[in-house]
């Protein structure tokens, strides 16, 4: 009898995360069957995926230097409940964000002087991070939005936090770009090239600042989403977007250009600049824990750490903006 696998068993066998298996199924790269409410993958379906469209066994031809994909789980009611429990029963801080490297850099800086300040990093996209802050289920939202100037960033954040008095602490400015194979073999030069029928695109998750920026730009450029091959397919992190292009699963994706330091197979085509900020309630500004965050971000060690990421600009790092409701 042919072997049948659960998504978790496929993930274990391929040494990837279960979320990545679901993403492969969603994109149609890995065929699967739905039995009742359960997803199952047959041995034949798995073999077809491993052989790939060229007929070669990609289990032995995928570049071994590709970093492992660390997808960010989508927000769920369960994770929201865990946050609430942490909020009510500990003296620590909850930071909601997809930007894990910056959170770890800050955690490292705080440990020098605030070793007893526990931090829970809750993985959420920009929209859900601010949504959670709005309902006071998190303490800080680390968000990244498209920005030409400070007033533009303030407007985007205020629109998602109506009636709230908030503080916005600048972390850095960074660059977003389209990921392409090194040498740009498809001659991709701008967002308008996304409608070329031979180009496969991998989008970003709904609710991420990058997706909002992309959708806004498509509207401004009068480009129909339906004209983009793969527009409906999305991934949950910069790393999964880069991996997809590096492995040949897609032709073009989009993300933070600093990730390309780990991907010598790729280069980027400029797309937009973005502003990375900590957002929290103005009423918390004088709390000792938030003062620790403020001083940590303003430290020279933290700023120096940010400069290790390609394209990060620390000119405004540590600047504080207050927004009235």
Foldseek 3Di string as FASTA:
>chain_A
DWDKAFLVRLCVVLVADSVVSVLCCVLVLQPWDQDPNGIIHTPVSSQDSQCPPVNRRVSPVFPPLQDGDDFADEDDVVLLVVLQCCVVPDQAFEEEEQPVVLVVLLVVLLCVPPVVHDYHYHYYAQLVRLVCQLVPSGFKYWAKAFDPDDVVVVVVSCVSNPQAKKKKAFQWKFFKFKKAFPVRVVPDAAPVCQLPPVFAEEEADPRHNVNVVNVVVCVVVVHDCVSGHHSPRYGGAPSVQNSCCSRVVGGIYMDTQLVCVSPPRIHGHTDGMMTTIMMGGPVCCPPPVNVSSLVSQVDPSSVVVQVNRPGIGCPRHSDMDIDGD
